[in-house]
N, C-alpha and C. Protein backbone atom coordinates (compact mmCIF):
# COMPACT_ATOMS: atom_id res chain seq x y z
N MET A 1 0.82 -1.19 0.00
CA MET A 1 0.00 0.00 0.00
C MET A 1 0.87 1.26 0.00
N LYS A 2 1.95 1.25 0.80
CA LYS A 2 2.83 2.40 0.86
C LYS A 2 3.44 2.70 -0.51
N LYS A 3 3.82 1.67 -1.24
CA LYS A 3 4.39 1.85 -2.58
C LYS A 3 3.35 2.46 -3.52
N LEU A 4 2.09 2.02 -3.43
CA LEU A 4 1.02 2.57 -4.27
C LEU A 4 0.82 4.05 -3.97
N LEU A 5 0.80 4.43 -2.69
CA LEU A 5 0.62 5.84 -2.35
C LEU A 5 1.77 6.69 -2.86
N ARG A 6 2.98 6.14 -2.87
CA ARG A 6 4.12 6.90 -3.35
C ARG A 6 3.97 7.21 -4.83
N TRP A 7 3.39 6.34 -5.60
CA TRP A 7 3.27 6.54 -7.05
C TRP A 7 1.97 7.22 -7.45
N THR A 8 1.00 7.31 -6.57
CA THR A 8 -0.30 7.88 -6.93
C THR A 8 -0.20 9.28 -7.52
N PRO A 9 0.54 10.24 -6.92
CA PRO A 9 0.61 11.58 -7.53
C PRO A 9 1.25 11.54 -8.91
N TRP A 10 2.25 10.68 -9.09
CA TRP A 10 2.90 10.58 -10.40
C TRP A 10 1.91 10.07 -11.43
N VAL A 11 1.15 9.08 -11.08
CA VAL A 11 0.15 8.54 -12.00
C VAL A 11 -0.92 9.59 -12.28
N ALA A 12 -1.31 10.36 -11.27
CA ALA A 12 -2.33 11.39 -11.46
C ALA A 12 -1.90 12.40 -12.49
N CYS A 13 -0.62 12.62 -12.61
CA CYS A 13 -0.11 13.56 -13.60
C CYS A 13 -0.48 13.12 -15.00
N PHE A 14 -0.62 11.82 -15.20
CA PHE A 14 -0.92 11.31 -16.52
C PHE A 14 -2.42 11.12 -16.76
N VAL A 15 -3.22 11.25 -15.72
CA VAL A 15 -4.66 11.08 -15.86
C VAL A 15 -5.31 12.34 -16.40
N VAL A 16 -4.84 13.51 -15.98
CA VAL A 16 -5.42 14.78 -16.39
C VAL A 16 -4.93 15.12 -17.79
N GLY A 17 -5.83 15.32 -18.70
CA GLY A 17 -5.44 15.68 -20.06
C GLY A 17 -6.46 16.58 -20.68
N ALA A 18 -6.25 16.93 -21.93
CA ALA A 18 -7.22 17.76 -22.62
C ALA A 18 -8.54 17.02 -22.63
N GLY A 19 -9.57 17.66 -22.26
CA GLY A 19 -10.88 17.04 -22.18
C GLY A 19 -11.65 17.66 -21.05
N GLN A 20 -12.71 17.01 -20.63
CA GLN A 20 -13.59 17.54 -19.61
C GLN A 20 -12.84 17.79 -18.31
N VAL A 21 -13.09 18.92 -17.67
CA VAL A 21 -12.45 19.27 -16.41
C VAL A 21 -13.52 19.30 -15.34
N ASP A 22 -13.23 18.65 -14.21
CA ASP A 22 -14.12 18.74 -13.06
C ASP A 22 -13.30 19.18 -11.86
N ALA A 23 -13.94 19.29 -10.70
CA ALA A 23 -13.25 19.80 -9.52
C ALA A 23 -12.03 18.95 -9.17
N GLN A 24 -12.11 17.64 -9.33
CA GLN A 24 -10.98 16.78 -8.98
C GLN A 24 -9.79 17.01 -9.91
N SER A 25 -10.03 17.20 -11.20
CA SER A 25 -8.90 17.33 -12.13
C SER A 25 -8.27 18.71 -12.12
N THR A 26 -8.84 19.66 -11.36
CA THR A 26 -8.21 20.97 -11.28
C THR A 26 -7.21 21.04 -10.14
N ARG A 27 -6.97 19.92 -9.47
CA ARG A 27 -5.90 19.90 -8.47
C ARG A 27 -4.57 19.93 -9.21
N CYS A 28 -3.62 20.64 -8.63
CA CYS A 28 -2.28 20.63 -9.20
C CYS A 28 -1.67 19.25 -8.99
N THR A 29 -1.13 18.69 -10.04
CA THR A 29 -0.53 17.37 -9.94
C THR A 29 0.98 17.49 -9.98
N PHE A 30 1.65 16.52 -9.43
CA PHE A 30 3.10 16.52 -9.38
C PHE A 30 3.59 15.09 -9.41
N ARG A 31 4.86 14.96 -9.69
CA ARG A 31 5.49 13.65 -9.70
C ARG A 31 6.27 13.46 -8.41
N GLY A 32 6.20 12.26 -7.90
CA GLY A 32 6.97 11.95 -6.70
C GLY A 32 6.10 11.88 -5.47
N ALA A 33 6.75 11.62 -4.36
CA ALA A 33 6.06 11.49 -3.08
C ALA A 33 5.66 12.85 -2.53
N PRO A 34 4.47 12.93 -1.91
CA PRO A 34 4.02 14.22 -1.35
C PRO A 34 5.03 14.85 -0.39
N GLU A 35 5.69 14.02 0.42
CA GLU A 35 6.65 14.58 1.38
C GLU A 35 7.88 15.19 0.69
N ALA A 36 8.13 14.82 -0.56
CA ALA A 36 9.27 15.37 -1.30
C ALA A 36 9.00 16.80 -1.79
N LEU A 37 7.73 17.21 -1.81
CA LEU A 37 7.40 18.57 -2.26
C LEU A 37 8.09 19.63 -1.39
N ALA A 38 8.17 19.38 -0.10
CA ALA A 38 8.78 20.36 0.81
C ALA A 38 10.28 20.52 0.55
N GLU A 39 10.90 19.53 -0.08
CA GLU A 39 12.34 19.58 -0.34
C GLU A 39 12.68 20.22 -1.68
N ARG A 40 11.70 20.48 -2.51
CA ARG A 40 11.96 21.06 -3.83
C ARG A 40 12.47 22.49 -3.72
N PRO A 41 13.49 22.84 -4.49
CA PRO A 41 13.94 24.23 -4.48
C PRO A 41 12.94 25.18 -5.15
N SER A 42 12.06 24.63 -6.00
CA SER A 42 11.02 25.44 -6.67
C SER A 42 9.66 24.91 -6.24
N PRO A 43 9.03 25.55 -5.25
CA PRO A 43 7.76 25.02 -4.74
C PRO A 43 6.63 25.08 -5.77
N LEU A 44 5.71 24.15 -5.64
CA LEU A 44 4.52 24.11 -6.48
C LEU A 44 3.53 25.15 -5.97
N ASP A 45 2.90 25.89 -6.88
CA ASP A 45 1.92 26.89 -6.49
C ASP A 45 0.80 26.92 -7.52
N SER A 46 -0.23 27.69 -7.24
CA SER A 46 -1.35 27.79 -8.19
C SER A 46 -2.05 29.13 -8.02
N VAL A 47 -2.81 29.47 -9.07
CA VAL A 47 -3.66 30.65 -9.06
C VAL A 47 -5.05 30.17 -9.48
N THR A 48 -6.02 30.36 -8.60
CA THR A 48 -7.40 30.02 -8.93
C THR A 48 -8.12 31.32 -9.28
N PHE A 49 -8.89 31.27 -10.35
CA PHE A 49 -9.62 32.47 -10.77
C PHE A 49 -10.99 32.07 -11.29
N SER A 50 -11.91 33.02 -11.27
CA SER A 50 -13.30 32.77 -11.66
C SER A 50 -13.66 33.62 -12.87
N LEU A 51 -14.27 32.98 -13.86
CA LEU A 51 -14.84 33.68 -15.01
C LEU A 51 -16.26 33.16 -15.21
N GLY A 52 -17.23 34.03 -15.20
CA GLY A 52 -18.61 33.61 -15.40
C GLY A 52 -19.11 32.65 -14.35
N GLY A 53 -18.62 32.78 -13.12
CA GLY A 53 -19.09 31.94 -12.03
C GLY A 53 -18.45 30.56 -11.94
N GLN A 54 -17.51 30.24 -12.81
CA GLN A 54 -16.81 28.95 -12.73
C GLN A 54 -15.34 29.19 -12.47
N GLU A 55 -14.76 28.32 -11.64
CA GLU A 55 -13.37 28.46 -11.28
C GLU A 55 -12.44 27.72 -12.22
N ALA A 56 -11.36 28.39 -12.58
CA ALA A 56 -10.28 27.80 -13.38
C ALA A 56 -9.01 27.89 -12.54
N LYS A 57 -7.97 27.18 -12.96
CA LYS A 57 -6.75 27.17 -12.16
C LYS A 57 -5.52 27.07 -13.04
N LEU A 58 -4.47 27.78 -12.66
CA LEU A 58 -3.15 27.67 -13.27
C LEU A 58 -2.23 27.06 -12.21
N CYS A 59 -1.53 25.98 -12.57
CA CYS A 59 -0.58 25.31 -11.67
C CYS A 59 0.82 25.48 -12.24
N TYR A 60 1.80 25.80 -11.38
CA TYR A 60 3.15 26.05 -11.86
C TYR A 60 4.17 25.86 -10.73
N GLY A 61 5.41 25.62 -11.12
CA GLY A 61 6.52 25.57 -10.17
C GLY A 61 7.14 26.96 -10.09
N ARG A 62 7.59 27.37 -8.89
CA ARG A 62 8.08 28.74 -8.65
C ARG A 62 9.60 28.76 -8.44
N PRO A 63 10.37 28.84 -9.54
CA PRO A 63 11.81 28.95 -9.36
C PRO A 63 12.21 30.32 -8.79
N SER A 64 13.35 30.35 -8.14
CA SER A 64 13.93 31.60 -7.64
C SER A 64 15.22 31.88 -8.37
N ALA A 65 15.54 33.14 -8.52
CA ALA A 65 16.76 33.53 -9.25
C ALA A 65 18.02 33.16 -8.46
N ARG A 66 18.01 33.35 -7.15
CA ARG A 66 19.15 33.01 -6.29
C ARG A 66 20.48 33.60 -6.79
N GLY A 67 20.45 34.87 -7.18
CA GLY A 67 21.66 35.54 -7.62
C GLY A 67 22.05 35.28 -9.07
N ARG A 68 21.30 34.44 -9.76
CA ARG A 68 21.60 34.12 -11.16
C ARG A 68 20.78 35.02 -12.07
N VAL A 69 21.28 35.23 -13.29
CA VAL A 69 20.47 35.85 -14.33
C VAL A 69 19.79 34.70 -15.06
N MET A 70 18.49 34.60 -14.93
CA MET A 70 17.78 33.45 -15.48
C MET A 70 17.34 33.71 -16.93
N LEU A 71 16.49 34.71 -17.13
CA LEU A 71 15.95 34.98 -18.46
C LEU A 71 16.95 35.77 -19.27
N GLY A 72 17.38 35.18 -20.38
CA GLY A 72 18.43 35.79 -21.19
C GLY A 72 19.82 35.41 -20.70
N GLY A 73 19.88 34.57 -19.68
CA GLY A 73 21.14 34.08 -19.12
C GLY A 73 21.11 32.56 -19.09
N GLN A 74 20.80 32.02 -17.91
CA GLN A 74 20.71 30.56 -17.77
C GLN A 74 19.58 29.99 -18.64
N GLU A 75 18.52 30.73 -18.82
CA GLU A 75 17.43 30.37 -19.74
C GLU A 75 17.57 31.30 -20.94
N PRO A 76 18.26 30.84 -22.01
CA PRO A 76 18.59 31.74 -23.14
C PRO A 76 17.36 32.20 -23.92
N PHE A 77 17.46 33.42 -24.45
CA PHE A 77 16.42 33.91 -25.34
C PHE A 77 16.38 33.04 -26.60
N GLY A 78 15.19 32.90 -27.16
CA GLY A 78 15.02 32.18 -28.42
C GLY A 78 14.80 30.69 -28.29
N LEU A 79 14.84 30.14 -27.06
CA LEU A 79 14.63 28.70 -26.86
C LEU A 79 13.38 28.48 -26.02
N PRO A 80 12.65 27.38 -26.26
CA PRO A 80 11.45 27.10 -25.47
C PRO A 80 11.79 27.01 -23.97
N TRP A 81 10.88 27.52 -23.16
CA TRP A 81 11.01 27.49 -21.70
C TRP A 81 9.66 27.16 -21.09
N ARG A 82 9.62 26.41 -20.03
CA ARG A 82 8.38 25.85 -19.47
C ARG A 82 7.51 26.81 -18.67
N LEU A 83 7.89 28.06 -18.54
CA LEU A 83 7.13 29.06 -17.75
C LEU A 83 7.03 28.68 -16.28
N GLY A 84 8.04 28.05 -15.77
CA GLY A 84 8.05 27.65 -14.37
C GLY A 84 9.15 26.63 -14.17
N ALA A 85 8.95 25.75 -13.20
CA ALA A 85 9.93 24.71 -12.89
C ALA A 85 9.24 23.36 -12.76
N ASP A 86 10.01 22.31 -13.00
CA ASP A 86 9.58 20.93 -12.82
C ASP A 86 8.44 20.56 -13.78
N GLU A 87 7.26 20.20 -13.27
CA GLU A 87 6.15 19.83 -14.14
C GLU A 87 5.78 21.00 -15.04
N PRO A 88 5.08 20.72 -16.13
CA PRO A 88 4.70 21.84 -17.01
C PRO A 88 3.71 22.77 -16.31
N THR A 89 3.79 24.04 -16.66
CA THR A 89 2.78 25.00 -16.21
C THR A 89 1.48 24.61 -16.91
N THR A 90 0.43 24.39 -16.13
CA THR A 90 -0.81 23.81 -16.66
C THR A 90 -2.00 24.68 -16.28
N ILE A 91 -2.86 24.92 -17.27
CA ILE A 91 -4.09 25.67 -17.03
C ILE A 91 -5.27 24.70 -17.16
N HIS A 92 -6.16 24.74 -16.16
CA HIS A 92 -7.35 23.88 -16.12
C HIS A 92 -8.57 24.78 -16.32
N LEU A 93 -9.31 24.55 -17.40
CA LEU A 93 -10.44 25.40 -17.76
C LEU A 93 -11.71 24.56 -17.85
N PRO A 94 -12.73 24.82 -17.01
CA PRO A 94 -13.96 24.05 -17.07
C PRO A 94 -14.96 24.59 -18.09
N PHE A 95 -14.53 25.55 -18.90
CA PHE A 95 -15.40 26.20 -19.87
C PHE A 95 -14.60 26.46 -21.14
N PRO A 96 -15.28 26.64 -22.29
CA PRO A 96 -14.56 27.02 -23.50
C PRO A 96 -13.95 28.41 -23.30
N ALA A 97 -12.72 28.58 -23.78
CA ALA A 97 -12.02 29.83 -23.51
C ALA A 97 -11.07 30.18 -24.63
N SER A 98 -10.59 31.40 -24.57
CA SER A 98 -9.47 31.84 -25.40
C SER A 98 -8.33 32.14 -24.45
N VAL A 99 -7.19 31.54 -24.71
CA VAL A 99 -5.97 31.83 -23.96
C VAL A 99 -5.10 32.59 -24.95
N GLY A 100 -4.94 33.88 -24.71
CA GLY A 100 -4.35 34.72 -25.75
C GLY A 100 -5.30 34.68 -26.94
N THR A 101 -4.78 34.29 -28.10
CA THR A 101 -5.62 34.18 -29.30
C THR A 101 -5.96 32.73 -29.63
N VAL A 102 -5.63 31.81 -28.73
CA VAL A 102 -5.85 30.38 -28.97
C VAL A 102 -7.17 29.96 -28.33
N SER A 103 -8.11 29.48 -29.15
CA SER A 103 -9.40 29.00 -28.65
C SER A 103 -9.26 27.54 -28.22
N VAL A 104 -9.77 27.24 -27.01
CA VAL A 104 -9.70 25.88 -26.48
C VAL A 104 -11.05 25.47 -25.92
N ASP A 105 -11.30 24.18 -25.95
CA ASP A 105 -12.48 23.59 -25.32
C ASP A 105 -12.20 23.42 -23.83
N PRO A 106 -13.23 23.11 -23.04
CA PRO A 106 -12.97 22.82 -21.63
C PRO A 106 -11.92 21.71 -21.54
N GLY A 107 -10.96 21.88 -20.65
CA GLY A 107 -9.92 20.86 -20.50
C GLY A 107 -8.70 21.41 -19.80
N SER A 108 -7.64 20.62 -19.80
CA SER A 108 -6.36 20.99 -19.20
C SER A 108 -5.32 21.09 -20.30
N TYR A 109 -4.49 22.12 -20.22
CA TYR A 109 -3.50 22.40 -21.25
C TYR A 109 -2.21 22.87 -20.60
N SER A 110 -1.09 22.55 -21.22
CA SER A 110 0.18 23.07 -20.72
C SER A 110 0.53 24.33 -21.50
N LEU A 111 1.29 25.20 -20.85
CA LEU A 111 1.76 26.43 -21.46
C LEU A 111 3.28 26.43 -21.41
N TYR A 112 3.90 26.88 -22.48
CA TYR A 112 5.33 27.15 -22.44
C TYR A 112 5.58 28.39 -23.27
N ALA A 113 6.79 28.91 -23.22
CA ALA A 113 7.07 30.17 -23.90
C ALA A 113 8.42 30.09 -24.61
N ILE A 114 8.56 30.97 -25.58
CA ILE A 114 9.85 31.21 -26.22
C ILE A 114 10.17 32.68 -25.96
N PRO A 115 11.00 32.93 -24.94
CA PRO A 115 11.27 34.32 -24.57
C PRO A 115 12.25 35.00 -25.53
N GLN A 116 12.00 36.27 -25.75
CA GLN A 116 12.93 37.16 -26.46
C GLN A 116 13.13 38.36 -25.53
N GLU A 117 13.95 39.28 -25.92
CA GLU A 117 14.25 40.39 -25.03
C GLU A 117 13.03 41.28 -24.75
N HIS A 118 12.20 41.57 -25.77
CA HIS A 118 11.09 42.50 -25.58
C HIS A 118 9.71 41.90 -25.84
N SER A 119 9.65 40.70 -26.38
CA SER A 119 8.37 40.02 -26.57
C SER A 119 8.60 38.52 -26.47
N TRP A 120 7.57 37.82 -26.07
CA TRP A 120 7.64 36.38 -25.92
C TRP A 120 6.54 35.74 -26.77
N THR A 121 6.78 34.53 -27.21
CA THR A 121 5.74 33.72 -27.82
C THR A 121 5.27 32.74 -26.75
N VAL A 122 3.99 32.75 -26.46
CA VAL A 122 3.40 31.81 -25.51
C VAL A 122 2.66 30.75 -26.32
N VAL A 123 2.91 29.48 -25.99
CA VAL A 123 2.35 28.35 -26.73
C VAL A 123 1.38 27.59 -25.82
N VAL A 124 0.21 27.26 -26.35
CA VAL A 124 -0.77 26.42 -25.67
C VAL A 124 -0.61 25.02 -26.27
N ASN A 125 -0.42 24.04 -25.39
CA ASN A 125 -0.13 22.68 -25.82
C ASN A 125 -1.11 21.72 -25.15
N ALA A 126 -1.57 20.70 -25.89
CA ALA A 126 -2.53 19.74 -25.36
C ALA A 126 -1.88 18.69 -24.46
N ASN A 127 -0.56 18.61 -24.42
CA ASN A 127 0.13 17.57 -23.66
C ASN A 127 0.47 18.09 -22.27
N VAL A 128 -0.24 17.61 -21.25
CA VAL A 128 0.05 17.99 -19.87
C VAL A 128 0.95 16.96 -19.19
N HIS A 129 1.40 15.95 -19.93
CA HIS A 129 2.19 14.86 -19.36
C HIS A 129 3.68 15.07 -19.52
N ARG A 130 4.10 16.05 -20.27
CA ARG A 130 5.52 16.23 -20.57
C ARG A 130 6.28 16.67 -19.32
N TRP A 131 7.58 16.61 -19.45
CA TRP A 131 8.44 17.03 -18.35
C TRP A 131 9.58 17.85 -18.93
N GLY A 132 9.66 19.09 -18.53
CA GLY A 132 10.82 19.90 -18.86
C GLY A 132 10.99 20.29 -20.31
N ILE A 133 12.16 20.77 -20.59
CA ILE A 133 12.58 21.27 -21.89
C ILE A 133 13.93 20.63 -22.14
N PRO A 134 14.37 20.22 -23.29
CA PRO A 134 13.77 20.58 -24.58
C PRO A 134 12.54 19.74 -24.87
N LEU A 135 11.72 20.29 -25.73
CA LEU A 135 10.49 19.61 -26.12
C LEU A 135 10.78 18.64 -27.25
N SER A 136 10.28 17.44 -27.10
CA SER A 136 10.46 16.45 -28.16
C SER A 136 9.50 16.77 -29.30
N PRO A 137 9.80 16.28 -30.53
CA PRO A 137 8.91 16.55 -31.66
C PRO A 137 7.47 16.12 -31.42
N ASP A 138 7.26 15.01 -30.69
CA ASP A 138 5.88 14.57 -30.45
C ASP A 138 5.13 15.54 -29.55
N VAL A 139 5.83 16.21 -28.63
CA VAL A 139 5.18 17.24 -27.80
C VAL A 139 4.83 18.44 -28.66
N ARG A 140 5.74 18.88 -29.52
CA ARG A 140 5.47 20.03 -30.38
C ARG A 140 4.29 19.76 -31.31
N GLN A 141 4.05 18.50 -31.67
CA GLN A 141 2.89 18.17 -32.51
C GLN A 141 1.59 18.41 -31.76
N SER A 142 1.66 18.52 -30.43
CA SER A 142 0.46 18.79 -29.63
C SER A 142 0.22 20.28 -29.41
N ASP A 143 1.05 21.14 -30.03
CA ASP A 143 0.81 22.58 -29.94
C ASP A 143 -0.53 22.91 -30.58
N LEU A 144 -1.35 23.65 -29.86
CA LEU A 144 -2.66 24.05 -30.38
C LEU A 144 -2.62 25.44 -31.01
N GLY A 145 -1.64 26.21 -30.66
CA GLY A 145 -1.49 27.55 -31.21
C GLY A 145 -0.60 28.38 -30.31
N SER A 146 -0.25 29.56 -30.79
CA SER A 146 0.62 30.44 -30.03
C SER A 146 0.22 31.89 -30.27
N PHE A 147 0.74 32.76 -29.43
CA PHE A 147 0.48 34.19 -29.55
C PHE A 147 1.65 34.94 -28.93
N SER A 148 1.80 36.19 -29.31
CA SER A 148 2.89 37.01 -28.80
C SER A 148 2.40 37.89 -27.66
N VAL A 149 3.26 38.08 -26.68
CA VAL A 149 3.00 39.02 -25.60
C VAL A 149 4.18 39.98 -25.55
N VAL A 150 3.89 41.21 -25.24
CA VAL A 150 4.94 42.21 -25.10
C VAL A 150 5.31 42.28 -23.63
N THR A 151 6.60 42.19 -23.36
CA THR A 151 7.05 42.26 -21.98
C THR A 151 7.24 43.71 -21.57
N ALA A 152 7.20 43.92 -20.27
CA ALA A 152 7.46 45.24 -19.71
C ALA A 152 8.48 45.06 -18.58
N PRO A 153 9.30 46.07 -18.35
CA PRO A 153 10.27 45.95 -17.26
C PRO A 153 9.60 46.20 -15.91
N LEU A 154 10.09 45.50 -14.91
CA LEU A 154 9.69 45.74 -13.53
C LEU A 154 10.79 46.56 -12.86
N GLN A 155 10.41 47.57 -12.14
CA GLN A 155 11.40 48.39 -11.47
C GLN A 155 12.10 47.61 -10.36
N ASP A 156 11.32 46.88 -9.58
CA ASP A 156 11.89 46.10 -8.47
C ASP A 156 12.09 44.65 -8.91
N HIS A 157 13.16 44.05 -8.46
CA HIS A 157 13.49 42.66 -8.76
C HIS A 157 12.49 41.73 -8.06
N VAL A 158 11.92 40.77 -8.80
CA VAL A 158 11.05 39.75 -8.23
C VAL A 158 11.88 38.47 -8.15
N GLU A 159 12.22 38.05 -6.94
CA GLU A 159 13.12 36.92 -6.73
C GLU A 159 12.52 35.59 -7.18
N THR A 160 11.26 35.36 -6.85
CA THR A 160 10.61 34.08 -7.13
C THR A 160 9.48 34.28 -8.12
N LEU A 161 9.48 33.47 -9.18
CA LEU A 161 8.46 33.58 -10.23
C LEU A 161 7.07 33.58 -9.61
N THR A 162 6.24 34.49 -10.08
CA THR A 162 4.89 34.64 -9.54
C THR A 162 3.90 34.86 -10.68
N PHE A 163 2.77 34.16 -10.61
CA PHE A 163 1.62 34.44 -11.45
C PHE A 163 0.50 34.93 -10.54
N ARG A 164 -0.31 35.85 -11.04
CA ARG A 164 -1.53 36.27 -10.37
C ARG A 164 -2.57 36.52 -11.45
N PHE A 165 -3.84 36.59 -11.05
CA PHE A 165 -4.90 36.84 -12.02
C PHE A 165 -5.44 38.24 -11.82
N ASP A 166 -5.57 38.97 -12.91
CA ASP A 166 -6.10 40.33 -12.90
C ASP A 166 -7.43 40.31 -13.64
N PRO A 167 -8.58 40.32 -12.92
CA PRO A 167 -9.87 40.27 -13.60
C PRO A 167 -10.16 41.55 -14.35
N ALA A 168 -10.92 41.44 -15.41
CA ALA A 168 -11.36 42.60 -16.18
C ALA A 168 -12.89 42.54 -16.26
N ALA A 169 -13.47 43.44 -17.02
CA ALA A 169 -14.92 43.49 -17.15
C ALA A 169 -15.43 42.24 -17.86
N GLY A 170 -16.63 41.82 -17.48
CA GLY A 170 -17.26 40.67 -18.13
C GLY A 170 -16.58 39.37 -17.78
N GLN A 171 -16.36 38.56 -18.78
CA GLN A 171 -15.80 37.22 -18.56
C GLN A 171 -14.37 37.15 -19.08
N THR A 172 -13.59 38.16 -18.77
CA THR A 172 -12.21 38.22 -19.23
C THR A 172 -11.29 38.60 -18.08
N GLY A 173 -10.02 38.41 -18.30
CA GLY A 173 -9.00 38.79 -17.35
C GLY A 173 -7.64 38.43 -17.92
N ALA A 174 -6.63 38.46 -17.09
CA ALA A 174 -5.29 38.13 -17.56
C ALA A 174 -4.48 37.48 -16.44
N LEU A 175 -3.73 36.46 -16.81
CA LEU A 175 -2.72 35.90 -15.93
C LEU A 175 -1.49 36.79 -16.06
N VAL A 176 -1.04 37.32 -14.94
CA VAL A 176 0.09 38.26 -14.95
C VAL A 176 1.32 37.51 -14.45
N TYR A 177 2.34 37.50 -15.29
CA TYR A 177 3.63 36.85 -15.00
C TYR A 177 4.61 37.91 -14.51
N GLU A 178 5.33 37.60 -13.42
CA GLU A 178 6.37 38.50 -12.91
C GLU A 178 7.54 37.66 -12.42
N TRP A 179 8.73 37.98 -12.95
CA TRP A 179 9.95 37.33 -12.46
C TRP A 179 11.15 38.16 -12.87
N GLU A 180 12.11 38.23 -11.98
CA GLU A 180 13.29 39.06 -12.14
C GLU A 180 12.84 40.50 -12.45
N HIS A 181 13.12 41.00 -13.64
CA HIS A 181 12.70 42.36 -14.00
C HIS A 181 11.72 42.35 -15.17
N THR A 182 10.97 41.24 -15.34
CA THR A 182 10.09 41.09 -16.49
C THR A 182 8.66 40.78 -16.07
N THR A 183 7.71 41.43 -16.74
CA THR A 183 6.30 41.12 -16.56
C THR A 183 5.61 41.11 -17.91
N PHE A 184 4.55 40.30 -18.01
CA PHE A 184 3.67 40.32 -19.18
C PHE A 184 2.33 39.72 -18.78
N ARG A 185 1.35 39.89 -19.66
CA ARG A 185 -0.02 39.44 -19.40
C ARG A 185 -0.44 38.39 -20.42
N ILE A 186 -1.08 37.34 -19.94
CA ILE A 186 -1.68 36.31 -20.80
C ILE A 186 -3.19 36.49 -20.69
N PRO A 187 -3.83 37.04 -21.73
CA PRO A 187 -5.29 37.23 -21.68
C PRO A 187 -6.02 35.88 -21.63
N VAL A 188 -7.07 35.82 -20.81
CA VAL A 188 -7.93 34.63 -20.72
C VAL A 188 -9.35 35.14 -20.79
N ALA A 189 -10.14 34.60 -21.70
CA ALA A 189 -11.54 35.02 -21.85
C ALA A 189 -12.42 33.79 -21.99
N ARG A 190 -13.53 33.81 -21.30
CA ARG A 190 -14.52 32.74 -21.45
C ARG A 190 -15.28 32.97 -22.75
N ARG A 191 -15.45 31.90 -23.54
CA ARG A 191 -16.19 32.04 -24.80
C ARG A 191 -17.63 31.60 -24.61
């Protein structure tokens, strides 16, 4: 039984996929034993937000800079990056939505980005089972679409990657990314 419990979160990571989302599948999933989460240098976090009376969730790992230059340094410009640490950054949507300019059905999707100095390409991908970067060709075949976001400088250094949700009028809002000296917005709208 102990061995089964150790593998349950890892297996759960493979159960959630593009398709119908319910309250159980909007839990953030991770690989490994639950007690190992406390030892990770990049803690797992989430942002829950509501559009049209239904809750959606973004799950991501929160890396810290720790004196390093990450974006444009250790994470070079022009190469795919997972928008977090460890498991893929995953958005769970119980309703049809647009993420940036990409229309998606209710389901769970991974997000990754290709950062540049002043704008990034954000990619919506149907594969929530992948791990890390580089992306294999079969993962790239699951890309549903991409869109560009313009970055803005942050005056104060943000040590640990943070997402928050900024609601707007109606059934729209934006996931706001902040890390080091960079911020940008990922529009999310209920269709």
